[in-house]
Amino acid sequence: MTKKDLPKDYVPKNSSMARNEEEIENLGKQMENRRTGEVLKEDYDKVPDPIQFDKANEKK
């Protein structure tokens, strides 16, 4: 399906974009209150993000 085949007001079901300014403001507030990687590690003994790079994948 190409972009030309979709109706003008089509909204995908998996869309994660903010739809209006109110959603943008709410997402900003959520981001302000997120714990940093250091806080997760120190206070909760959790890994903040999966390791996405290692020496084996390094380009030479």
Protein backbone atom coordinates (compact mmCIF):
# COMPACT_ATOMS: atom_id res chain seq x y z
CA MET A 1 0.00 0.00 0.00
CA THR A 2 1.45 3.33 -0.99
CA LYS A 3 0.88 6.72 0.57
CA LYS A 4 -1.34 7.66 -2.38
CA ASP A 5 -3.69 4.74 -1.57
CA LEU A 6 -4.44 5.99 1.96
CA PRO A 7 -7.30 8.38 2.76
CA LYS A 8 -6.27 11.91 3.75
CA ASP A 9 -7.43 11.48 7.38
CA TYR A 10 -5.87 8.00 7.87
CA VAL A 11 -4.31 7.44 11.31
CA PRO A 12 -2.24 4.26 11.78
CA LYS A 13 -3.16 2.08 14.77
CA ASN A 14 0.43 1.92 15.97
CA SER A 15 1.10 5.64 15.79
CA SER A 16 3.16 6.93 18.68
CA MET A 17 3.33 10.57 17.64
CA ALA A 18 1.65 13.17 19.82
CA ARG A 19 -1.58 14.24 18.14
CA ASN A 20 -1.98 17.66 19.70
CA GLU A 21 -0.27 20.22 21.93
CA GLU A 22 -1.89 18.83 25.09
CA GLU A 23 -0.31 15.41 24.46
CA ILE A 24 3.06 17.07 23.84
CA GLU A 25 2.85 18.89 27.18
CA ASN A 26 1.87 15.67 29.00
CA LEU A 27 4.74 13.75 27.41
CA GLY A 28 7.14 16.53 28.42
CA LYS A 29 5.98 16.27 32.04
CA GLN A 30 6.45 12.49 31.94
CA MET A 31 9.98 12.90 30.59
CA GLU A 32 10.86 15.39 33.34
CA ASN A 33 9.93 12.79 35.97
CA ARG A 34 11.80 9.84 34.40
CA ARG A 35 14.56 8.32 36.44
CA THR A 36 18.05 8.56 35.03
CA GLY A 37 20.20 5.52 34.38
CA GLU A 38 22.31 6.34 37.43
CA VAL A 39 19.26 6.48 39.73
CA LEU A 40 17.97 3.16 38.41
CA LYS A 41 21.34 1.55 38.94
CA GLU A 42 22.00 2.95 42.43
CA ASP A 43 18.52 2.94 43.98
CA TYR A 44 16.87 -0.02 42.27
CA ASP A 45 19.84 -2.13 41.14
CA LYS A 46 18.41 -2.23 37.62
CA VAL A 47 20.10 -1.92 34.25
CA PRO A 48 18.82 1.29 32.66
CA ASP A 49 19.00 0.19 29.02
CA PRO A 50 19.97 -3.01 27.28
CA ILE A 51 23.51 -3.06 25.97
CA GLN A 52 23.29 -2.24 22.28
CA PHE A 53 26.94 -2.19 21.37
CA ASP A 54 29.89 -4.31 22.24
CA LYS A 55 33.49 -4.74 21.11
CA ALA A 56 32.59 -7.67 18.84
CA ASN A 57 30.42 -5.37 16.69
CA GLU A 58 32.98 -2.61 16.50
CA LYS A 59 34.07 -1.70 12.98
CA LYS A 60 37.78 -1.96 12.25
